[in-house]
Amino acid sequence: VDTHGKSFELADCEVVLQQALTNLKVVIEERIATITHDPLPTVMADSSQLLLVFQNLITNAIKFRGNEPPRIHISAQLRENEWIFSVHDNGIGIEPEYYERLFVIFRRLHSREYPGVGLGLSICKKVVKRHGGRIWLESEPRKGSTFYFTIPGKRC
């Protein structure tokens, strides 16, 4: 993330999200996922790395689903000098005692019933940190999760 990062430029998050959805088209269709979003801002960022954040958070929301088809909503709000992005899902949720463990590389909460090696959220954390932001979540078991991340900035 640090060594392969590009310089920050104006990145239209609408375009970045659309690219993520295009990249995930097959899995979205297979899982009958519904993905909605509010208008998203333009921020100073490495758009290729921001793409990784959106892709990883959406992939997890689809992967860790309950019995219903995944419903995911993405939004962003400007608060003071940062954009707070949220990715909300109706998935299986997470117990609070596991929140920090989620962001540790190669640490998984689930057995092999869910595919993956434990890289996605650690990559998200490194990307967000490189951009001067932070990442966290709120969740309720069996009701879903909301992952938040910030990108410093103002209205462009």
N, C-alpha and C. Protein backbone atom coordinates (compact mmCIF):
# COMPACT_ATOMS: atom_id res chain seq x y z
N VAL A 1 0.83 -1.19 0.00
CA VAL A 1 0.00 0.00 0.00
C VAL A 1 0.86 1.25 0.00
N ASP A 2 1.90 1.27 0.83
CA ASP A 2 2.75 2.45 0.90
C ASP A 2 3.69 2.56 -0.30
N THR A 3 4.25 1.45 -0.72
CA THR A 3 5.26 1.50 -1.77
C THR A 3 4.67 1.55 -3.17
N HIS A 4 3.44 1.11 -3.35
CA HIS A 4 2.83 1.11 -4.67
C HIS A 4 1.76 2.17 -4.81
N GLY A 5 1.68 3.08 -3.86
CA GLY A 5 0.67 4.12 -3.92
C GLY A 5 1.01 5.17 -4.97
N LYS A 6 -0.04 5.68 -5.59
CA LYS A 6 0.10 6.77 -6.54
C LYS A 6 -0.10 8.09 -5.79
N SER A 7 0.28 9.18 -6.42
CA SER A 7 0.08 10.48 -5.79
C SER A 7 -1.42 10.78 -5.71
N PHE A 8 -1.77 11.63 -4.76
CA PHE A 8 -3.17 11.99 -4.57
C PHE A 8 -3.58 13.00 -5.63
N GLU A 9 -4.75 12.74 -6.19
CA GLU A 9 -5.36 13.63 -7.17
C GLU A 9 -6.85 13.69 -6.86
N LEU A 10 -7.55 14.61 -7.51
CA LEU A 10 -9.00 14.64 -7.33
C LEU A 10 -9.58 13.32 -7.82
N ALA A 11 -10.31 12.66 -6.95
CA ALA A 11 -10.92 11.37 -7.26
C ALA A 11 -12.43 11.48 -7.07
N ASP A 12 -13.17 11.27 -8.12
CA ASP A 12 -14.62 11.29 -8.07
C ASP A 12 -15.08 9.94 -7.49
N CYS A 13 -15.59 9.95 -6.27
CA CYS A 13 -15.97 8.69 -5.62
C CYS A 13 -17.13 8.00 -6.32
N GLU A 14 -17.96 8.74 -7.04
CA GLU A 14 -19.01 8.11 -7.84
C GLU A 14 -18.38 7.21 -8.90
N VAL A 15 -17.35 7.71 -9.57
CA VAL A 15 -16.66 6.94 -10.61
C VAL A 15 -15.93 5.75 -9.99
N VAL A 16 -15.27 5.98 -8.86
CA VAL A 16 -14.54 4.90 -8.19
C VAL A 16 -15.51 3.80 -7.76
N LEU A 17 -16.64 4.17 -7.19
CA LEU A 17 -17.64 3.17 -6.78
C LEU A 17 -18.17 2.41 -7.99
N GLN A 18 -18.46 3.10 -9.08
CA GLN A 18 -18.96 2.41 -10.27
C GLN A 18 -17.94 1.40 -10.79
N GLN A 19 -16.66 1.74 -10.72
CA GLN A 19 -15.61 0.79 -11.13
C GLN A 19 -15.60 -0.44 -10.22
N ALA A 20 -15.75 -0.21 -8.91
CA ALA A 20 -15.81 -1.32 -7.97
C ALA A 20 -17.00 -2.23 -8.28
N LEU A 21 -18.15 -1.63 -8.56
CA LEU A 21 -19.35 -2.42 -8.87
C LEU A 21 -19.18 -3.19 -10.18
N THR A 22 -18.52 -2.58 -11.15
CA THR A 22 -18.23 -3.28 -12.40
C THR A 22 -17.32 -4.47 -12.14
N ASN A 23 -16.28 -4.27 -11.33
CA ASN A 23 -15.35 -5.35 -11.00
C ASN A 23 -16.04 -6.49 -10.25
N LEU A 24 -17.07 -6.17 -9.50
CA LEU A 24 -17.76 -7.17 -8.67
C LEU A 24 -19.08 -7.64 -9.29
N LYS A 25 -19.31 -7.30 -10.54
CA LYS A 25 -20.58 -7.57 -11.21
C LYS A 25 -21.02 -9.03 -11.08
N VAL A 26 -20.13 -9.97 -11.30
CA VAL A 26 -20.50 -11.39 -11.27
C VAL A 26 -20.97 -11.80 -9.88
N VAL A 27 -20.23 -11.47 -8.86
CA VAL A 27 -20.62 -11.88 -7.50
C VAL A 27 -21.89 -11.15 -7.05
N ILE A 28 -22.06 -9.90 -7.46
CA ILE A 28 -23.28 -9.16 -7.13
C ILE A 28 -24.49 -9.88 -7.74
N GLU A 29 -24.37 -10.27 -8.99
CA GLU A 29 -25.48 -10.97 -9.66
C GLU A 29 -25.72 -12.36 -9.07
N GLU A 30 -24.64 -13.09 -8.79
CA GLU A 30 -24.78 -14.45 -8.22
C GLU A 30 -25.48 -14.42 -6.87
N ARG A 31 -25.18 -13.45 -6.06
CA ARG A 31 -25.74 -13.37 -4.70
C ARG A 31 -27.02 -12.54 -4.64
N ILE A 32 -27.46 -12.04 -5.81
CA ILE A 32 -28.66 -11.21 -5.90
C ILE A 32 -28.57 -10.03 -4.92
N ALA A 33 -27.41 -9.41 -4.88
CA ALA A 33 -27.18 -8.29 -3.97
C ALA A 33 -27.79 -7.01 -4.54
N THR A 34 -28.35 -6.20 -3.65
CA THR A 34 -28.85 -4.88 -4.00
C THR A 34 -27.90 -3.86 -3.39
N ILE A 35 -27.34 -3.01 -4.24
CA ILE A 35 -26.39 -2.01 -3.76
C ILE A 35 -26.90 -0.64 -4.17
N THR A 36 -27.08 0.22 -3.17
CA THR A 36 -27.54 1.59 -3.41
C THR A 36 -26.52 2.54 -2.83
N HIS A 37 -26.62 3.79 -3.25
CA HIS A 37 -25.72 4.79 -2.67
C HIS A 37 -26.31 6.18 -2.80
N ASP A 38 -25.93 7.03 -1.88
CA ASP A 38 -26.24 8.45 -1.93
C ASP A 38 -25.20 9.10 -2.84
N PRO A 39 -25.40 10.36 -3.20
CA PRO A 39 -24.35 11.06 -3.96
C PRO A 39 -23.03 11.03 -3.18
N LEU A 40 -21.95 10.77 -3.88
CA LEU A 40 -20.63 10.67 -3.25
C LEU A 40 -19.75 11.83 -3.71
N PRO A 41 -18.82 12.24 -2.87
CA PRO A 41 -18.01 13.43 -3.17
C PRO A 41 -16.80 13.14 -4.06
N THR A 42 -16.15 14.21 -4.43
CA THR A 42 -14.83 14.16 -5.04
C THR A 42 -13.84 14.52 -3.94
N VAL A 43 -12.80 13.70 -3.78
CA VAL A 43 -11.82 13.89 -2.71
C VAL A 43 -10.41 13.82 -3.26
N MET A 44 -9.45 14.30 -2.50
CA MET A 44 -8.04 14.13 -2.86
C MET A 44 -7.63 12.75 -2.38
N ALA A 45 -7.29 11.88 -3.33
CA ALA A 45 -6.99 10.50 -2.96
C ALA A 45 -6.25 9.80 -4.08
N ASP A 46 -5.73 8.64 -3.75
CA ASP A 46 -5.21 7.70 -4.74
C ASP A 46 -6.43 6.86 -5.14
N SER A 47 -7.00 7.13 -6.30
CA SER A 47 -8.25 6.49 -6.69
C SER A 47 -8.12 4.97 -6.80
N SER A 48 -6.93 4.48 -7.19
CA SER A 48 -6.76 3.03 -7.29
C SER A 48 -6.83 2.37 -5.91
N GLN A 49 -6.35 3.05 -4.90
CA GLN A 49 -6.42 2.49 -3.55
C GLN A 49 -7.81 2.67 -2.95
N LEU A 50 -8.46 3.78 -3.26
CA LEU A 50 -9.83 3.99 -2.81
C LEU A 50 -10.74 2.90 -3.40
N LEU A 51 -10.46 2.51 -4.63
CA LEU A 51 -11.17 1.41 -5.28
C LEU A 51 -11.05 0.12 -4.46
N LEU A 52 -9.84 -0.15 -3.95
CA LEU A 52 -9.63 -1.34 -3.11
C LEU A 52 -10.49 -1.30 -1.86
N VAL A 53 -10.61 -0.13 -1.25
CA VAL A 53 -11.42 -0.01 -0.04
C VAL A 53 -12.88 -0.33 -0.35
N PHE A 54 -13.43 0.32 -1.38
CA PHE A 54 -14.82 0.04 -1.74
C PHE A 54 -15.02 -1.43 -2.09
N GLN A 55 -14.13 -1.99 -2.90
CA GLN A 55 -14.27 -3.40 -3.30
C GLN A 55 -14.23 -4.33 -2.11
N ASN A 56 -13.28 -4.12 -1.19
CA ASN A 56 -13.17 -5.01 -0.03
C ASN A 56 -14.38 -4.90 0.88
N LEU A 57 -14.86 -3.68 1.13
CA LEU A 57 -16.01 -3.53 2.02
C LEU A 57 -17.28 -4.10 1.40
N ILE A 58 -17.47 -3.90 0.11
CA ILE A 58 -18.64 -4.46 -0.57
C ILE A 58 -18.54 -5.99 -0.64
N THR A 59 -17.36 -6.50 -0.96
CA THR A 59 -17.17 -7.96 -1.01
C THR A 59 -17.50 -8.59 0.33
N ASN A 60 -17.02 -8.00 1.42
CA ASN A 60 -17.32 -8.54 2.75
C ASN A 60 -18.81 -8.48 3.05
N ALA A 61 -19.46 -7.39 2.67
CA ALA A 61 -20.89 -7.26 2.92
C ALA A 61 -21.67 -8.34 2.17
N ILE A 62 -21.21 -8.69 0.99
CA ILE A 62 -21.86 -9.76 0.22
C ILE A 62 -21.53 -11.13 0.81
N LYS A 63 -20.28 -11.33 1.17
CA LYS A 63 -19.81 -12.63 1.67
C LYS A 63 -20.44 -13.00 3.00
N PHE A 64 -20.48 -12.06 3.94
CA PHE A 64 -20.96 -12.35 5.29
C PHE A 64 -22.43 -11.96 5.43
N ARG A 65 -23.24 -12.62 4.63
CA ARG A 65 -24.66 -12.31 4.58
C ARG A 65 -25.44 -13.31 5.43
N GLY A 66 -26.64 -12.92 5.75
CA GLY A 66 -27.55 -13.82 6.45
C GLY A 66 -28.35 -14.62 5.44
N ASN A 67 -29.59 -14.94 5.80
CA ASN A 67 -30.46 -15.72 4.93
C ASN A 67 -31.04 -14.91 3.78
N GLU A 68 -31.17 -13.61 3.97
CA GLU A 68 -31.73 -12.74 2.94
C GLU A 68 -30.65 -12.34 1.95
N PRO A 69 -31.05 -11.97 0.72
CA PRO A 69 -30.06 -11.44 -0.22
C PRO A 69 -29.41 -10.19 0.37
N PRO A 70 -28.14 -9.97 0.09
CA PRO A 70 -27.44 -8.81 0.64
C PRO A 70 -28.05 -7.49 0.16
N ARG A 71 -28.21 -6.56 1.11
CA ARG A 71 -28.60 -5.18 0.82
C ARG A 71 -27.50 -4.29 1.40
N ILE A 72 -26.91 -3.49 0.53
CA ILE A 72 -25.77 -2.67 0.92
C ILE A 72 -26.05 -1.23 0.52
N HIS A 73 -25.76 -0.30 1.43
CA HIS A 73 -25.96 1.12 1.12
C HIS A 73 -24.69 1.89 1.47
N ILE A 74 -24.25 2.72 0.54
CA ILE A 74 -23.01 3.49 0.69
C ILE A 74 -23.37 4.97 0.72
N SER A 75 -22.77 5.68 1.65
CA SER A 75 -23.03 7.12 1.73
C SER A 75 -21.78 7.84 2.25
N ALA A 76 -21.84 9.16 2.20
CA ALA A 76 -20.74 9.99 2.70
C ALA A 76 -21.32 11.30 3.22
N GLN A 77 -20.75 11.77 4.32
CA GLN A 77 -21.15 13.05 4.90
C GLN A 77 -19.91 13.86 5.21
N LEU A 78 -19.98 15.14 4.96
CA LEU A 78 -18.89 16.03 5.31
C LEU A 78 -19.11 16.52 6.74
N ARG A 79 -18.13 16.26 7.60
CA ARG A 79 -18.18 16.74 8.98
C ARG A 79 -16.86 17.42 9.28
N GLU A 80 -16.94 18.69 9.60
CA GLU A 80 -15.75 19.51 9.84
C GLU A 80 -14.82 19.40 8.64
N ASN A 81 -13.65 18.84 8.77
CA ASN A 81 -12.69 18.79 7.66
C ASN A 81 -12.44 17.38 7.16
N GLU A 82 -13.47 16.53 7.22
CA GLU A 82 -13.30 15.17 6.70
C GLU A 82 -14.62 14.63 6.17
N TRP A 83 -14.47 13.75 5.19
CA TRP A 83 -15.61 13.01 4.68
C TRP A 83 -15.70 11.71 5.44
N ILE A 84 -16.88 11.42 5.95
CA ILE A 84 -17.13 10.15 6.64
C ILE A 84 -17.96 9.28 5.70
N PHE A 85 -17.34 8.23 5.19
CA PHE A 85 -18.02 7.28 4.31
C PHE A 85 -18.58 6.15 5.16
N SER A 86 -19.71 5.61 4.73
CA SER A 86 -20.26 4.44 5.42
C SER A 86 -20.70 3.41 4.39
N VAL A 87 -20.48 2.15 4.75
CA VAL A 87 -20.94 1.02 3.95
C VAL A 87 -21.76 0.15 4.90
N HIS A 88 -23.07 0.19 4.72
CA HIS A 88 -24.00 -0.49 5.62
C HIS A 88 -24.54 -1.75 4.94
N ASP A 89 -24.65 -2.84 5.72
CA ASP A 89 -25.20 -4.08 5.17
C ASP A 89 -26.19 -4.71 6.12
N ASN A 90 -26.90 -5.71 5.63
CA ASN A 90 -27.87 -6.47 6.42
C ASN A 90 -27.34 -7.86 6.73
N GLY A 91 -26.03 -7.98 6.87
CA GLY A 91 -25.38 -9.28 7.03
C GLY A 91 -25.47 -9.88 8.42
N ILE A 92 -24.50 -10.76 8.71
CA ILE A 92 -24.53 -11.54 9.94
C ILE A 92 -24.12 -10.74 11.17
N GLY A 93 -23.47 -9.60 10.98
CA GLY A 93 -23.04 -8.79 12.11
C GLY A 93 -21.83 -9.35 12.82
N ILE A 94 -21.32 -8.56 13.75
CA ILE A 94 -20.08 -8.91 14.46
C ILE A 94 -20.22 -8.50 15.92
N GLU A 95 -19.77 -9.36 16.81
CA GLU A 95 -19.76 -9.03 18.23
C GLU A 95 -18.70 -7.95 18.50
N PRO A 96 -18.99 -6.99 19.38
CA PRO A 96 -18.05 -5.88 19.63
C PRO A 96 -16.64 -6.31 20.05
N GLU A 97 -16.51 -7.41 20.75
CA GLU A 97 -15.17 -7.82 21.21
C GLU A 97 -14.24 -8.21 20.07
N TYR A 98 -14.78 -8.38 18.87
CA TYR A 98 -13.95 -8.77 17.73
C TYR A 98 -13.62 -7.61 16.79
N TYR A 99 -14.10 -6.42 17.07
CA TYR A 99 -13.92 -5.29 16.15
C TYR A 99 -12.46 -5.05 15.78
N GLU A 100 -11.58 -4.93 16.77
CA GLU A 100 -10.18 -4.60 16.47
C GLU A 100 -9.48 -5.74 15.74
N ARG A 101 -9.82 -6.96 16.09
CA ARG A 101 -9.19 -8.13 15.46
C ARG A 101 -9.45 -8.18 13.96
N LEU A 102 -10.57 -7.63 13.53
CA LEU A 102 -10.93 -7.65 12.12
C LEU A 102 -9.88 -7.00 11.22
N PHE A 103 -9.19 -6.00 11.74
CA PHE A 103 -8.27 -5.21 10.93
C PHE A 103 -6.82 -5.72 10.98
N VAL A 104 -6.60 -6.84 11.68
CA VAL A 104 -5.26 -7.41 11.79
C VAL A 104 -5.03 -8.37 10.62
N ILE A 105 -3.91 -8.22 9.95
CA ILE A 105 -3.62 -9.02 8.77
C ILE A 105 -3.62 -10.51 9.11
N PHE A 106 -4.24 -11.29 8.26
CA PHE A 106 -4.36 -12.75 8.35
C PHE A 106 -5.14 -13.24 9.55
N ARG A 107 -5.84 -12.35 10.25
CA ARG A 107 -6.70 -12.78 11.37
C ARG A 107 -8.12 -12.90 10.86
N ARG A 108 -8.68 -14.06 11.03
CA ARG A 108 -10.04 -14.32 10.58
C ARG A 108 -10.91 -14.63 11.77
N LEU A 109 -12.18 -14.26 11.69
CA LEU A 109 -13.12 -14.58 12.76
C LEU A 109 -13.83 -15.90 12.50
N HIS A 110 -13.93 -16.26 11.23
CA HIS A 110 -14.74 -17.42 10.87
C HIS A 110 -13.86 -18.54 10.34
N SER A 111 -14.39 -19.74 10.47
CA SER A 111 -13.70 -20.90 9.92
C SER A 111 -13.77 -20.83 8.40
N ARG A 112 -13.42 -21.88 7.76
CA ARG A 112 -13.38 -21.92 6.30
C ARG A 112 -14.77 -21.90 5.65
N GLU A 113 -15.84 -21.76 6.46
CA GLU A 113 -17.17 -21.66 5.86
C GLU A 113 -17.28 -20.42 4.99
N TYR A 114 -16.47 -19.42 5.26
CA TYR A 114 -16.40 -18.21 4.45
C TYR A 114 -15.02 -18.15 3.82
N PRO A 115 -14.93 -17.97 2.51
CA PRO A 115 -13.61 -17.92 1.86
C PRO A 115 -12.84 -16.67 2.24
N GLY A 116 -11.52 -16.73 2.08
CA GLY A 116 -10.67 -15.57 2.32
C GLY A 116 -9.51 -15.93 3.22
N VAL A 117 -8.53 -15.02 3.26
CA VAL A 117 -7.33 -15.25 4.07
C VAL A 117 -7.10 -14.18 5.14
N GLY A 118 -7.99 -13.21 5.22
CA GLY A 118 -7.83 -12.19 6.25
C GLY A 118 -7.00 -11.00 5.82
N LEU A 119 -7.04 -10.65 4.53
CA LEU A 119 -6.28 -9.50 4.03
C LEU A 119 -7.12 -8.25 3.81
N GLY A 120 -8.37 -8.41 3.41
CA GLY A 120 -9.19 -7.30 2.95
C GLY A 120 -9.27 -6.11 3.89
N LEU A 121 -9.67 -6.34 5.13
CA LEU A 121 -9.83 -5.22 6.06
C LEU A 121 -8.50 -4.64 6.50
N SER A 122 -7.45 -5.46 6.55
CA SER A 122 -6.13 -4.90 6.89
C SER A 122 -5.64 -3.99 5.76
N ILE A 123 -5.93 -4.35 4.51
CA ILE A 123 -5.60 -3.47 3.39
C ILE A 123 -6.40 -2.18 3.49
N CYS A 124 -7.69 -2.28 3.77
CA CYS A 124 -8.52 -1.08 3.94
C CYS A 124 -7.93 -0.15 4.99
N LYS A 125 -7.52 -0.72 6.12
CA LYS A 125 -6.97 0.09 7.20
C LYS A 125 -5.69 0.80 6.75
N LYS A 126 -4.80 0.10 6.06
CA LYS A 126 -3.56 0.71 5.58
C LYS A 126 -3.83 1.82 4.57
N VAL A 127 -4.77 1.59 3.66
CA VAL A 127 -5.11 2.60 2.66
C VAL A 127 -5.69 3.84 3.34
N VAL A 128 -6.64 3.63 4.22
CA VAL A 128 -7.28 4.76 4.90
C VAL A 128 -6.25 5.53 5.73
N LYS A 129 -5.38 4.81 6.42
CA LYS A 129 -4.33 5.45 7.21
C LYS A 129 -3.39 6.26 6.30
N ARG A 130 -3.02 5.71 5.15
CA ARG A 130 -2.16 6.43 4.20
C ARG A 130 -2.81 7.74 3.77
N HIS A 131 -4.13 7.76 3.70
CA HIS A 131 -4.87 8.95 3.30
C HIS A 131 -5.14 9.90 4.48
N GLY A 132 -4.63 9.56 5.65
CA GLY A 132 -4.81 10.42 6.82
C GLY A 132 -6.14 10.25 7.51
N GLY A 133 -6.81 9.13 7.24
CA GLY A 133 -8.12 8.89 7.83
C GLY A 133 -8.09 7.76 8.85
N ARG A 134 -9.26 7.32 9.23
CA ARG A 134 -9.41 6.22 10.17
C ARG A 134 -10.57 5.35 9.71
N ILE A 135 -10.64 4.13 10.23
CA ILE A 135 -11.69 3.18 9.85
C ILE A 135 -12.19 2.48 11.12
N TRP A 136 -13.49 2.25 11.17
CA TRP A 136 -14.09 1.58 12.32
C TRP A 136 -15.44 1.01 11.89
N LEU A 137 -16.10 0.32 12.80
CA LEU A 137 -17.40 -0.24 12.47
C LEU A 137 -18.34 -0.19 13.65
N GLU A 138 -19.61 -0.30 13.32
CA GLU A 138 -20.68 -0.51 14.28
C GLU A 138 -21.44 -1.71 13.76
N SER A 139 -21.86 -2.58 14.66
CA SER A 139 -22.50 -3.81 14.21
C SER A 139 -23.42 -4.36 15.28
N GLU A 140 -24.40 -5.10 14.83
CA GLU A 140 -25.27 -5.84 15.73
C GLU A 140 -25.40 -7.25 15.18
N PRO A 141 -25.00 -8.24 15.96
CA PRO A 141 -25.07 -9.62 15.48
C PRO A 141 -26.46 -9.96 14.92
N ARG A 142 -26.46 -10.62 13.79
CA ARG A 142 -27.64 -11.06 13.06
C ARG A 142 -28.47 -9.91 12.48
N LYS A 143 -27.97 -8.67 12.57
CA LYS A 143 -28.72 -7.54 12.02
C LYS A 143 -27.92 -6.75 10.99
N GLY A 144 -26.60 -6.91 10.98
CA GLY A 144 -25.79 -6.20 9.99
C GLY A 144 -24.70 -5.36 10.60
N SER A 145 -23.94 -4.75 9.71
CA SER A 145 -22.78 -3.94 10.12
C SER A 145 -22.72 -2.67 9.28
N THR A 146 -22.10 -1.66 9.85
CA THR A 146 -21.77 -0.45 9.10
C THR A 146 -20.29 -0.19 9.31
N PHE A 147 -19.54 -0.20 8.22
CA PHE A 147 -18.13 0.15 8.26
C PHE A 147 -18.02 1.62 7.86
N TYR A 148 -17.26 2.36 8.64
CA TYR A 148 -17.02 3.77 8.39
C TYR A 148 -15.55 3.98 8.09
N PHE A 149 -15.25 4.92 7.20
CA PHE A 149 -13.88 5.36 7.02
C PHE A 149 -13.90 6.84 6.65
N THR A 150 -12.82 7.52 7.00
CA THR A 150 -12.74 8.95 6.72
C THR A 150 -11.63 9.25 5.74
N ILE A 151 -11.85 10.30 4.98
CA ILE A 151 -10.87 10.87 4.09
C ILE A 151 -10.85 12.37 4.38
N PRO A 152 -9.72 12.92 4.78
CA PRO A 152 -9.68 14.36 5.03
C PRO A 152 -10.06 15.14 3.77
N GLY A 153 -10.67 16.27 3.99
CA GLY A 153 -11.00 17.10 2.83
C GLY A 153 -12.11 18.06 3.10
N LYS A 154 -12.50 18.71 2.03
CA LYS A 154 -13.60 19.65 2.06
C LYS A 154 -14.35 19.50 0.76
N ARG A 155 -15.41 20.25 0.59
CA ARG A 155 -16.17 20.18 -0.66
C ARG A 155 -15.28 20.62 -1.81
N CYS A 156 -15.24 19.81 -2.86
CA CYS A 156 -14.45 20.15 -4.05
C CYS A 156 -15.38 20.67 -5.13
